Amino acid sequence: NSALKKANAKIIRELSYAPSINSDVITAQDPEGNTIQFYKE
């Protein structure tokens, strides 16, 4: 989360809980608009 914000990534979904996968998730886009998502169960 800190690295994405420091890199000025476009955040699509702020760090939040996703009950469907019982994980915390953050979703962003890289500089060319490719979507990247990170999760921790």
PDB file of all heavy atoms in Angstrom:
ATOM      1  N   ASN A   1       0.846  -1.205   0.000  1.00  0.00           N
ATOM      2  CA  ASN A   1       0.000   0.000   0.000  1.00  0.00           C
ATOM      3  C   ASN A   1       0.880   1.253   0.000  1.00  0.00           C
ATOM      4  O   ASN A   1       0.667   2.171  -0.803  1.00  0.00           O
ATOM      5  CB  ASN A   1      -0.944  -0.027   1.198  1.00  0.00           C
ATOM      6  CG  ASN A   1      -1.955   1.096   1.186  1.00  0.00           C
ATOM      7  OD1 ASN A   1      -2.404   1.544   0.146  1.00  0.00           O
ATOM      8  ND2 ASN A   1      -2.332   1.542   2.371  1.00  0.00           N
ATOM      9  N   SER A   2       1.873   1.285   0.853  1.00  0.00           N
ATOM     10  CA  SER A   2       2.786   2.432   0.923  1.00  0.00           C
ATOM     11  C   SER A   2       3.566   2.597  -0.371  1.00  0.00           C
ATOM     12  O   SER A   2       3.726   3.723  -0.867  1.00  0.00           O
ATOM     13  CB  SER A   2       3.764   2.267   2.086  1.00  0.00           C
ATOM     14  OG  SER A   2       3.084   2.315   3.306  1.00  0.00           O
ATOM     15  N   ALA A   3       4.036   1.489  -0.935  1.00  0.00           N
ATOM     16  CA  ALA A   3       4.808   1.552  -2.183  1.00  0.00           C
ATOM     17  C   ALA A   3       3.959   2.082  -3.329  1.00  0.00           C
ATOM     18  O   ALA A   3       4.426   2.896  -4.132  1.00  0.00           O
ATOM     19  CB  ALA A   3       5.361   0.170  -2.519  1.00  0.00           C
ATOM     20  N   LEU A   4       2.711   1.635  -3.411  1.00  0.00           N
ATOM     21  CA  LEU A   4       1.820   2.109  -4.474  1.00  0.00           C
ATOM     22  C   LEU A   4       1.565   3.605  -4.347  1.00  0.00           C
ATOM     23  O   LEU A   4       1.589   4.332  -5.334  1.00  0.00           O
ATOM     24  CB  LEU A   4       0.492   1.347  -4.439  1.00  0.00           C
ATOM     25  CG  LEU A   4       0.544  -0.107  -4.899  1.00  0.00           C
ATOM     26  CD1 LEU A   4      -0.747  -0.826  -4.533  1.00  0.00           C
ATOM     27  CD2 LEU A   4       0.815  -0.188  -6.392  1.00  0.00           C
ATOM     28  N   LYS A   5       1.327   4.057  -3.134  1.00  0.00           N
ATOM     29  CA  LYS A   5       1.064   5.487  -2.928  1.00  0.00           C
ATOM     30  C   LYS A   5       2.307   6.318  -3.207  1.00  0.00           C
ATOM     31  O   LYS A   5       2.217   7.383  -3.828  1.00  0.00           O
ATOM     32  CB  LYS A   5       0.503   5.715  -1.541  1.00  0.00           C
ATOM     33  CG  LYS A   5      -0.890   5.111  -1.432  1.00  0.00           C
ATOM     34  CD  LYS A   5      -1.621   5.457  -0.191  1.00  0.00           C
ATOM     35  CE  LYS A   5      -2.973   4.753  -0.294  1.00  0.00           C
ATOM     36  NZ  LYS A   5      -4.018   5.366   0.384  1.00  0.00           N
ATOM     37  N   LYS A   6       3.461   5.830  -2.798  1.00  0.00           N
ATOM     38  CA  LYS A   6       4.712   6.542  -3.058  1.00  0.00           C
ATOM     39  C   LYS A   6       4.976   6.641  -4.563  1.00  0.00           C
ATOM     40  O   LYS A   6       5.514   7.639  -5.047  1.00  0.00           O
ATOM     41  CB  LYS A   6       5.873   5.823  -2.368  1.00  0.00           C
ATOM     42  CG  LYS A   6       7.198   6.509  -2.526  1.00  0.00           C
ATOM     43  CD  LYS A   6       8.289   5.776  -1.776  1.00  0.00           C
ATOM     44  CE  LYS A   6       9.632   6.423  -2.001  1.00  0.00           C
ATOM     45  NZ  LYS A   6      10.715   5.651  -1.395  1.00  0.00           N
ATOM     46  N   ALA A   7       4.568   5.610  -5.314  1.00  0.00           N
ATOM     47  CA  ALA A   7       4.771   5.588  -6.765  1.00  0.00           C
ATOM     48  C   ALA A   7       3.659   6.313  -7.521  1.00  0.00           C
ATOM     49  O   ALA A   7       3.640   6.307  -8.744  1.00  0.00           O
ATOM     50  CB  ALA A   7       4.859   4.142  -7.248  1.00  0.00           C
ATOM     51  N   ASN A   8       2.739   6.931  -6.775  1.00  0.00           N
ATOM     52  CA  ASN A   8       1.606   7.651  -7.376  1.00  0.00           C
ATOM     53  C   ASN A   8       0.756   6.770  -8.283  1.00  0.00           C
ATOM     54  O   ASN A   8       0.264   7.221  -9.316  1.00  0.00           O
ATOM     55  CB  ASN A   8       2.078   8.895  -8.131  1.00  0.00           C
ATOM     56  CG  ASN A   8       2.671   9.916  -7.207  1.00  0.00           C
ATOM     57  OD1 ASN A   8       2.107  10.208  -6.157  1.00  0.00           O
ATOM     58  ND2 ASN A   8       3.823  10.445  -7.576  1.00  0.00           N
ATOM     59  N   ALA A   9       0.601   5.507  -7.884  1.00  0.00           N
ATOM     60  CA  ALA A   9      -0.269   4.601  -8.641  1.00  0.00           C
ATOM     61  C   ALA A   9      -1.719   5.045  -8.479  1.00  0.00           C
ATOM     62  O   ALA A   9      -2.108   5.558  -7.425  1.00  0.00           O
ATOM     63  CB  ALA A   9      -0.109   3.172  -8.125  1.00  0.00           C
ATOM     64  N   LYS A  10      -2.493   4.860  -9.507  1.00  0.00           N
ATOM     65  CA  LYS A  10      -3.927   5.127  -9.422  1.00  0.00           C
ATOM     66  C   LYS A  10      -4.549   4.000  -8.592  1.00  0.00           C
ATOM     67  O   LYS A  10      -4.501   2.835  -8.977  1.00  0.00           O
ATOM     68  CB  LYS A  10      -4.549   5.185 -10.810  1.00  0.00           C
ATOM     69  CG  LYS A  10      -6.046   5.423 -10.760  1.00  0.00           C
ATOM     70  CD  LYS A  10      -6.649   5.460 -12.158  1.00  0.00           C
ATOM     71  CE  LYS A  10      -8.155   5.644 -12.058  1.00  0.00           C
ATOM     72  NZ  LYS A  10      -8.787   5.578 -13.380  1.00  0.00           N
ATOM     73  N   ILE A  11      -5.118   4.352  -7.451  1.00  0.00           N
ATOM     74  CA  ILE A  11      -5.743   3.361  -6.574  1.00  0.00           C
ATOM     75  C   ILE A  11      -7.200   3.192  -6.990  1.00  0.00           C
ATOM     76  O   ILE A  11      -7.970   4.155  -6.998  1.00  0.00           O
ATOM     77  CB  ILE A  11      -5.653   3.780  -5.086  1.00  0.00           C
ATOM     78  CG1 ILE A  11      -4.193   4.051  -4.681  1.00  0.00           C
ATOM     79  CG2 ILE A  11      -6.301   2.729  -4.192  1.00  0.00           C
ATOM     80  CD1 ILE A  11      -3.260   2.880  -4.794  1.00  0.00           C
ATOM     81  N   ILE A  12      -7.569   1.980  -7.340  1.00  0.00           N
ATOM     82  CA  ILE A  12      -8.938   1.670  -7.741  1.00  0.00           C
ATOM     83  C   ILE A  12      -9.763   1.232  -6.545  1.00  0.00           C
ATOM     84  O   ILE A  12     -10.926   1.599  -6.410  1.00  0.00           O
ATOM     85  CB  ILE A  12      -8.942   0.561  -8.813  1.00  0.00           C
ATOM     86  CG1 ILE A  12      -8.229   1.056 -10.065  1.00  0.00           C
ATOM     87  CG2 ILE A  12     -10.357   0.119  -9.142  1.00  0.00           C
ATOM     88  CD1 ILE A  12      -7.996  -0.031 -11.077  1.00  0.00           C
ATOM     89  N   ARG A  13      -9.159   0.420  -5.695  1.00  0.00           N
ATOM     90  CA  ARG A  13      -9.802  -0.028  -4.464  1.00  0.00           C
ATOM     91  C   ARG A  13      -8.809   0.179  -3.331  1.00  0.00           C
ATOM     92  O   ARG A  13      -7.750  -0.432  -3.291  1.00  0.00           O
ATOM     93  CB  ARG A  13     -10.190  -1.504  -4.558  1.00  0.00           C
ATOM     94  CG  ARG A  13     -10.810  -2.030  -3.280  1.00  0.00           C
ATOM     95  CD  ARG A  13     -11.137  -3.502  -3.364  1.00  0.00           C
ATOM     96  NE  ARG A  13     -11.730  -3.954  -2.115  1.00  0.00           N
ATOM     97  CZ  ARG A  13     -12.496  -5.006  -1.997  1.00  0.00           C
ATOM     98  NH1 ARG A  13     -12.778  -5.738  -3.056  1.00  0.00           N
ATOM     99  NH2 ARG A  13     -12.976  -5.352  -0.826  1.00  0.00           N
ATOM    100  N   GLU A  14      -9.189   1.065  -2.426  1.00  0.00           N
ATOM    101  CA  GLU A  14      -8.339   1.294  -1.255  1.00  0.00           C
ATOM    102  C   GLU A  14      -8.234   0.005  -0.448  1.00  0.00           C
ATOM    103  O   GLU A  14      -9.095  -0.873  -0.533  1.00  0.00           O
ATOM    104  CB  GLU A  14      -8.940   2.399  -0.369  1.00  0.00           C
ATOM    105  CG  GLU A  14      -8.884   3.784  -0.987  1.00  0.00           C
ATOM    106  CD  GLU A  14      -7.491   4.402  -1.007  1.00  0.00           C
ATOM    107  OE1 GLU A  14      -6.586   3.930  -0.301  1.00  0.00           O
ATOM    108  OE2 GLU A  14      -7.327   5.374  -1.761  1.00  0.00           O
ATOM    109  N   LEU A  15      -7.196  -0.081   0.334  1.00  0.00           N
ATOM    110  CA  LEU A  15      -6.985  -1.234   1.197  1.00  0.00           C
ATOM    111  C   LEU A  15      -8.246  -1.498   2.003  1.00  0.00           C
ATOM    112  O   LEU A  15      -8.711  -0.622   2.739  1.00  0.00           O
ATOM    113  CB  LEU A  15      -5.794  -0.960   2.116  1.00  0.00           C
ATOM    114  CG  LEU A  15      -5.357  -2.073   3.053  1.00  0.00           C
ATOM    115  CD1 LEU A  15      -5.026  -3.342   2.281  1.00  0.00           C
ATOM    116  CD2 LEU A  15      -4.158  -1.623   3.854  1.00  0.00           C
ATOM    117  N   SER A  16      -8.824  -2.674   1.821  1.00  0.00           N
ATOM    118  CA  SER A  16     -10.081  -3.015   2.494  1.00  0.00           C
ATOM    119  C   SER A  16     -10.234  -4.524   2.569  1.00  0.00           C
ATOM    120  O   SER A  16      -9.502  -5.282   1.923  1.00  0.00           O
ATOM    121  CB  SER A  16     -11.263  -2.396   1.748  1.00  0.00           C
ATOM    122  OG  SER A  16     -11.311  -2.867   0.418  1.00  0.00           O
ATOM    123  N   TYR A  17     -11.222  -4.936   3.335  1.00  0.00           N
ATOM    124  CA  TYR A  17     -11.500  -6.355   3.526  1.00  0.00           C
ATOM    125  C   TYR A  17     -12.439  -6.854   2.438  1.00  0.00           C
ATOM    126  O   TYR A  17     -13.439  -6.205   2.122  1.00  0.00           O
ATOM    127  CB  TYR A  17     -12.122  -6.579   4.910  1.00  0.00           C
ATOM    128  CG  TYR A  17     -12.488  -8.011   5.182  1.00  0.00           C
ATOM    129  CD1 TYR A  17     -11.510  -8.998   5.242  1.00  0.00           C
ATOM    130  CD2 TYR A  17     -13.813  -8.385   5.374  1.00  0.00           C
ATOM    131  CE1 TYR A  17     -11.844 -10.319   5.485  1.00  0.00           C
ATOM    132  CE2 TYR A  17     -14.162  -9.700   5.621  1.00  0.00           C
ATOM    133  CZ  TYR A  17     -13.169 -10.664   5.678  1.00  0.00           C
ATOM    134  OH  TYR A  17     -13.505 -11.973   5.916  1.00  0.00           O
ATOM    135  N   ALA A  18     -12.129  -8.025   1.880  1.00  0.00           N
ATOM    136  CA  ALA A  18     -12.978  -8.684   0.882  1.00  0.00           C
ATOM    137  C   ALA A  18     -13.491  -9.990   1.497  1.00  0.00           C
ATOM    138  O   ALA A  18     -12.773 -10.993   1.515  1.00  0.00           O
ATOM    139  CB  ALA A  18     -12.199  -8.970  -0.393  1.00  0.00           C
ATOM    140  N   PRO A  19     -14.719  -9.975   2.026  1.00  0.00           N
ATOM    141  CA  PRO A  19     -15.215 -11.169   2.719  1.00  0.00           C
ATOM    142  C   PRO A  19     -15.333 -12.403   1.830  1.00  0.00           C
ATOM    143  O   PRO A  19     -15.199 -13.534   2.316  1.00  0.00           O
ATOM    144  CB  PRO A  19     -16.586 -10.736   3.254  1.00  0.00           C
ATOM    145  CG  PRO A  19     -16.953  -9.524   2.492  1.00  0.00           C
ATOM    146  CD  PRO A  19     -15.690  -8.894   2.026  1.00  0.00           C
ATOM    147  N   SER A  20     -15.552 -12.217   0.539  1.00  0.00           N
ATOM    148  CA  SER A  20     -15.720 -13.371  -0.347  1.00  0.00           C
ATOM    149  C   SER A  20     -14.458 -14.237  -0.429  1.00  0.00           C
ATOM    150  O   SER A  20     -14.537 -15.432  -0.711  1.00  0.00           O
ATOM    151  CB  SER A  20     -16.120 -12.913  -1.753  1.00  0.00           C
ATOM    152  OG  SER A  20     -15.126 -12.075  -2.295  1.00  0.00           O
ATOM    153  N   ILE A  21     -13.299 -13.632  -0.166  1.00  0.00           N
ATOM    154  CA  ILE A  21     -12.048 -14.393  -0.183  1.00  0.00           C
ATOM    155  C   ILE A  21     -11.325 -14.319   1.171  1.00  0.00           C
ATOM    156  O   ILE A  21     -10.175 -14.759   1.273  1.00  0.00           O
ATOM    157  CB  ILE A  21     -11.118 -13.939  -1.326  1.00  0.00           C
ATOM    158  CG1 ILE A  21     -10.778 -12.444  -1.215  1.00  0.00           C
ATOM    159  CG2 ILE A  21     -11.716 -14.260  -2.679  1.00  0.00           C
ATOM    160  CD1 ILE A  21      -9.701 -11.974  -2.190  1.00  0.00           C
ATOM    161  N   ASN A  22     -12.000 -13.777   2.180  1.00  0.00           N
ATOM    162  CA  ASN A  22     -11.448 -13.641   3.533  1.00  0.00           C
ATOM    163  C   ASN A  22     -10.025 -13.062   3.491  1.00  0.00           C
ATOM    164  O   ASN A  22      -9.094 -13.601   4.071  1.00  0.00           O
ATOM    165  CB  ASN A  22     -11.454 -14.982   4.281  1.00  0.00           C
ATOM    166  CG  ASN A  22     -11.156 -14.796   5.760  1.00  0.00           C
ATOM    167  OD1 ASN A  22     -11.543 -13.793   6.365  1.00  0.00           O
ATOM    168  ND2 ASN A  22     -10.455 -15.750   6.344  1.00  0.00           N
ATOM    169  N   SER A  23      -9.899 -11.960   2.766  1.00  0.00           N
ATOM    170  CA  SER A  23      -8.591 -11.350   2.582  1.00  0.00           C
ATOM    171  C   SER A  23      -8.704  -9.830   2.599  1.00  0.00           C
ATOM    172  O   SER A  23      -9.753  -9.272   2.273  1.00  0.00           O
ATOM    173  CB  SER A  23      -7.994 -11.769   1.233  1.00  0.00           C
ATOM    174  OG  SER A  23      -7.798 -13.150   1.180  1.00  0.00           O
ATOM    175  N   ASP A  24      -7.607  -9.201   2.947  1.00  0.00           N
ATOM    176  CA  ASP A  24      -7.481  -7.762   2.767  1.00  0.00           C
ATOM    177  C   ASP A  24      -6.901  -7.554   1.374  1.00  0.00           C
ATOM    178  O   ASP A  24      -6.028  -8.305   0.929  1.00  0.00           O
ATOM    179  CB  ASP A  24      -6.580  -7.168   3.844  1.00  0.00           C
ATOM    180  CG  ASP A  24      -7.226  -7.281   5.210  1.00  0.00           C
ATOM    181  OD1 ASP A  24      -8.323  -6.728   5.377  1.00  0.00           O
ATOM    182  OD2 ASP A  24      -6.644  -7.943   6.087  1.00  0.00           O
ATOM    183  N   VAL A  25      -7.401  -6.527   0.682  1.00  0.00           N
ATOM    184  CA  VAL A  25      -7.099  -6.337  -0.738  1.00  0.00           C
ATOM    185  C   VAL A  25      -6.828  -4.868  -1.025  1.00  0.00           C
ATOM    186  O   VAL A  25      -7.421  -3.987  -0.404  1.00  0.00           O
ATOM    187  CB  VAL A  25      -8.314  -6.796  -1.593  1.00  0.00           C
ATOM    188  CG1 VAL A  25      -8.099  -6.501  -3.064  1.00  0.00           C
ATOM    189  CG2 VAL A  25      -8.613  -8.254  -1.372  1.00  0.00           C
ATOM    190  N   ILE A  26      -5.930  -4.617  -1.969  1.00  0.00           N
ATOM    191  CA  ILE A  26      -5.771  -3.288  -2.550  1.00  0.00           C
ATOM    192  C   ILE A  26      -5.614  -3.485  -4.058  1.00  0.00           C
ATOM    193  O   ILE A  26      -4.931  -4.409  -4.503  1.00  0.00           O
ATOM    194  CB  ILE A  26      -4.578  -2.499  -1.968  1.00  0.00           C
ATOM    195  CG1 ILE A  26      -4.564  -1.080  -2.547  1.00  0.00           C
ATOM    196  CG2 ILE A  26      -3.276  -3.215  -2.167  1.00  0.00           C
ATOM    197  CD1 ILE A  26      -3.621  -0.125  -1.855  1.00  0.00           C
ATOM    198  N   THR A  27      -6.286  -2.633  -4.836  1.00  0.00           N
ATOM    199  CA  THR A  27      -6.238  -2.723  -6.294  1.00  0.00           C
ATOM    200  C   THR A  27      -5.795  -1.373  -6.851  1.00  0.00           C
ATOM    201  O   THR A  27      -6.254  -0.334  -6.396  1.00  0.00           O
ATOM    202  CB  THR A  27      -7.634  -3.093  -6.857  1.00  0.00           C
ATOM    203  OG1 THR A  27      -8.121  -4.240  -6.168  1.00  0.00           O
ATOM    204  CG2 THR A  27      -7.552  -3.394  -8.343  1.00  0.00           C
ATOM    205  N   ALA A  28      -4.900  -1.425  -7.823  1.00  0.00           N
ATOM    206  CA  ALA A  28      -4.345  -0.198  -8.395  1.00  0.00           C
ATOM    207  C   ALA A  28      -4.088  -0.405  -9.881  1.00  0.00           C
ATOM    208  O   ALA A  28      -4.313  -1.488 -10.419  1.00  0.00           O
ATOM    209  CB  ALA A  28      -3.043   0.164  -7.678  1.00  0.00           C
ATOM    210  N   GLN A  29      -3.609   0.661 -10.519  1.00  0.00           N
ATOM    211  CA  GLN A  29      -3.189   0.571 -11.910  1.00  0.00           C
ATOM    212  C   GLN A  29      -1.752   1.062 -12.030  1.00  0.00           C
ATOM    213  O   GLN A  29      -1.349   2.001 -11.345  1.00  0.00           O
ATOM    214  CB  GLN A  29      -4.088   1.403 -12.818  1.00  0.00           C
ATOM    215  CG  GLN A  29      -5.445   0.776 -13.021  1.00  0.00           C
ATOM    216  CD  GLN A  29      -6.311   1.569 -13.970  1.00  0.00           C
ATOM    217  OE1 GLN A  29      -6.078   2.744 -14.213  1.00  0.00           O
ATOM    218  NE2 GLN A  29      -7.343   0.926 -14.491  1.00  0.00           N
ATOM    219  N   ASP A  30      -1.000   0.411 -12.913  1.00  0.00           N
ATOM    220  CA  ASP A  30       0.356   0.862 -13.190  1.00  0.00           C
ATOM    221  C   ASP A  30       0.293   2.060 -14.144  1.00  0.00           C
ATOM    222  O   ASP A  30      -0.797   2.462 -14.550  1.00  0.00           O
ATOM    223  CB  ASP A  30       1.216  -0.305 -13.720  1.00  0.00           C
ATOM    224  CG  ASP A  30       0.846  -0.780 -15.114  1.00  0.00           C
ATOM    225  OD1 ASP A  30       0.211  -0.030 -15.895  1.00  0.00           O
ATOM    226  OD2 ASP A  30       1.208  -1.927 -15.447  1.00  0.00           O
ATOM    227  N   PRO A  31       1.421   2.650 -14.504  1.00  0.00           N
ATOM    228  CA  PRO A  31       1.398   3.864 -15.341  1.00  0.00           C
ATOM    229  C   PRO A  31       0.749   3.698 -16.716  1.00  0.00           C
ATOM    230  O   PRO A  31       0.357   4.683 -17.322  1.00  0.00           O
ATOM    231  CB  PRO A  31       2.879   4.227 -15.487  1.00  0.00           C
ATOM    232  CG  PRO A  31       3.536   3.633 -14.307  1.00  0.00           C
ATOM    233  CD  PRO A  31       2.778   2.372 -14.017  1.00  0.00           C
ATOM    234  N   GLU A  32       0.626   2.466 -17.208  1.00  0.00           N
ATOM    235  CA  GLU A  32      -0.003   2.248 -18.506  1.00  0.00           C
ATOM    236  C   GLU A  32      -1.446   1.759 -18.385  1.00  0.00           C
ATOM    237  O   GLU A  32      -2.064   1.376 -19.369  1.00  0.00           O
ATOM    238  CB  GLU A  32       0.833   1.291 -19.360  1.00  0.00           C
ATOM    239  CG  GLU A  32       2.148   1.921 -19.775  1.00  0.00           C
ATOM    240  CD  GLU A  32       2.884   1.142 -20.845  1.00  0.00           C
ATOM    241  OE1 GLU A  32       2.361   0.140 -21.362  1.00  0.00           O
ATOM    242  OE2 GLU A  32       4.017   1.558 -21.164  1.00  0.00           O
ATOM    243  N   GLY A  33      -1.968   1.771 -17.157  1.00  0.00           N
ATOM    244  CA  GLY A  33      -3.369   1.413 -16.962  1.00  0.00           C
ATOM    245  C   GLY A  33      -3.637  -0.069 -16.788  1.00  0.00           C
ATOM    246  O   GLY A  33      -4.795  -0.491 -16.811  1.00  0.00           O
ATOM    247  N   ASN A  34      -2.608  -0.877 -16.600  1.00  0.00           N
ATOM    248  CA  ASN A  34      -2.813  -2.295 -16.308  1.00  0.00           C
ATOM    249  C   ASN A  34      -3.208  -2.436 -14.842  1.00  0.00           C
ATOM    250  O   ASN A  34      -2.607  -1.802 -13.967  1.00  0.00           O
ATOM    251  CB  ASN A  34      -1.536  -3.095 -16.577  1.00  0.00           C
ATOM    252  CG  ASN A  34      -1.088  -2.962 -18.008  1.00  0.00           C
ATOM    253  OD1 ASN A  34      -1.810  -3.328 -18.924  1.00  0.00           O
ATOM    254  ND2 ASN A  34       0.100  -2.409 -18.209  1.00  0.00           N
ATOM    255  N   THR A  35      -4.207  -3.247 -14.568  1.00  0.00           N
ATOM    256  CA  THR A  35      -4.700  -3.395 -13.200  1.00  0.00           C
ATOM    257  C   THR A  35      -3.886  -4.443 -12.460  1.00  0.00           C
ATOM    258  O   THR A  35      -3.640  -5.540 -12.961  1.00  0.00           O
ATOM    259  CB  THR A  35      -6.190  -3.772 -13.209  1.00  0.00           C
ATOM    260  OG1 THR A  35      -6.908  -2.745 -13.908  1.00  0.00           O
ATOM    261  CG2 THR A  35      -6.741  -3.880 -11.803  1.00  0.00           C
ATOM    262  N   ILE A  36      -3.480  -4.083 -11.244  1.00  0.00           N
ATOM    263  CA  ILE A  36      -2.743  -4.981 -10.364  1.00  0.00           C
ATOM    264  C   ILE A  36      -3.450  -5.014  -9.023  1.00  0.00           C
ATOM    265  O   ILE A  36      -3.914  -3.994  -8.524  1.00  0.00           O
ATOM    266  CB  ILE A  36      -1.266  -4.546 -10.213  1.00  0.00           C
ATOM    267  CG1 ILE A  36      -1.147  -3.047  -9.916  1.00  0.00           C
ATOM    268  CG2 ILE A  36      -0.464  -4.906 -11.435  1.00  0.00           C
ATOM    269  CD1 ILE A  36       0.274  -2.542  -9.749  1.00  0.00           C
ATOM    270  N   GLN A  37      -3.552  -6.211  -8.477  1.00  0.00           N
ATOM    271  CA  GLN A  37      -4.247  -6.374  -7.193  1.00  0.00           C
ATOM    272  C   GLN A  37      -3.366  -7.195  -6.265  1.00  0.00           C
ATOM    273  O   GLN A  37      -2.692  -8.129  -6.694  1.00  0.00           O
ATOM    274  CB  GLN A  37      -5.578  -7.081  -7.413  1.00  0.00           C
ATOM    275  CG  GLN A  37      -6.387  -7.247  -6.143  1.00  0.00           C
ATOM    276  CD  GLN A  37      -7.829  -7.593  -6.453  1.00  0.00           C
ATOM    277  OE1 GLN A  37      -8.603  -6.717  -6.787  1.00  0.00           O
ATOM    278  NE2 GLN A  37      -8.175  -8.862  -6.366  1.00  0.00           N
ATOM    279  N   PHE A  38      -3.391  -6.835  -5.015  1.00  0.00           N
ATOM    280  CA  PHE A  38      -2.610  -7.503  -3.993  1.00  0.00           C
ATOM    281  C   PHE A  38      -3.539  -7.905  -2.863  1.00  0.00           C
ATOM    282  O   PHE A  38      -4.441  -7.149  -2.498  1.00  0.00           O
ATOM    283  CB  PHE A  38      -1.528  -6.556  -3.458  1.00  0.00           C
ATOM    284  CG  PHE A  38      -0.639  -6.033  -4.547  1.00  0.00           C
ATOM    285  CD1 PHE A  38      -0.978  -4.891  -5.256  1.00  0.00           C
ATOM    286  CD2 PHE A  38       0.525  -6.691  -4.885  1.00  0.00           C
ATOM    287  CE1 PHE A  38      -0.184  -4.407  -6.274  1.00  0.00           C
ATOM    288  CE2 PHE A  38       1.337  -6.218  -5.910  1.00  0.00           C
ATOM    289  CZ  PHE A  38       0.986  -5.078  -6.603  1.00  0.00           C
ATOM    290  N   TYR A  39      -3.323  -9.099  -2.329  1.00  0.00           N
ATOM    291  CA  TYR A  39      -4.177  -9.526  -1.226  1.00  0.00           C
ATOM    292  C   TYR A  39      -3.364 -10.311  -0.207  1.00  0.00           C
ATOM    293  O   TYR A  39      -2.322 -10.887  -0.509  1.00  0.00           O
ATOM    294  CB  TYR A  39      -5.361 -10.353  -1.733  1.00  0.00           C
ATOM    295  CG  TYR A  39      -5.023 -11.754  -2.181  1.00  0.00           C
ATOM    296  CD1 TYR A  39      -5.177 -12.841  -1.324  1.00  0.00           C
ATOM    297  CD2 TYR A  39      -4.548 -11.997  -3.462  1.00  0.00           C
ATOM    298  CE1 TYR A  39      -4.867 -14.114  -1.728  1.00  0.00           C
ATOM    299  CE2 TYR A  39      -4.240 -13.272  -3.879  1.00  0.00           C
ATOM    300  CZ  TYR A  39      -4.401 -14.332  -3.012  1.00  0.00           C
ATOM    301  OH  TYR A  39      -4.083 -15.604  -3.417  1.00  0.00           O
ATOM    302  N   LYS A  40      -3.886 -10.275   1.008  1.00  0.00           N
ATOM    303  CA  LYS A  40      -3.322 -11.060   2.105  1.00  0.00           C
ATOM    304  C   LYS A  40      -4.485 -11.738   2.809  1.00  0.00           C
ATOM    305  O   LYS A  40      -5.425 -11.055   3.258  1.00  0.00           O
ATOM    306  CB  LYS A  40      -2.554 -10.187   3.082  1.00  0.00           C
ATOM    307  CG  LYS A  40      -1.958 -11.013   4.215  1.00  0.00           C
ATOM    308  CD  LYS A  40      -1.143 -10.207   5.183  1.00  0.00           C
ATOM    309  CE  LYS A  40      -0.599 -11.176   6.206  1.00  0.00           C
ATOM    310  NZ  LYS A  40      -0.032 -10.542   7.343  1.00  0.00           N
ATOM    311  N   GLU A  41      -4.428 -13.052   2.866  1.00  0.00           N
ATOM    312  CA  GLU A  41      -5.496 -13.806   3.507  1.00  0.00           C
ATOM    313  C   GLU A  41      -5.479 -13.549   5.005  1.00  0.00           C
ATOM    314  O   GLU A  41      -4.415 -13.418   5.629  1.00  0.00           O
ATOM    315  CB  GLU A  41      -5.318 -15.307   3.261  1.00  0.00           C
ATOM    316  CG  GLU A  41      -5.492 -15.694   1.813  1.00  0.00           C
ATOM    317  CD  GLU A  41      -5.210 -17.158   1.564  1.00  0.00           C
ATOM    318  OE1 GLU A  41      -4.315 -17.729   2.231  1.00  0.00           O
ATOM    319  OE2 GLU A  41      -5.880 -17.742   0.700  1.00  0.00           O
TER     320      GLU A  41
END
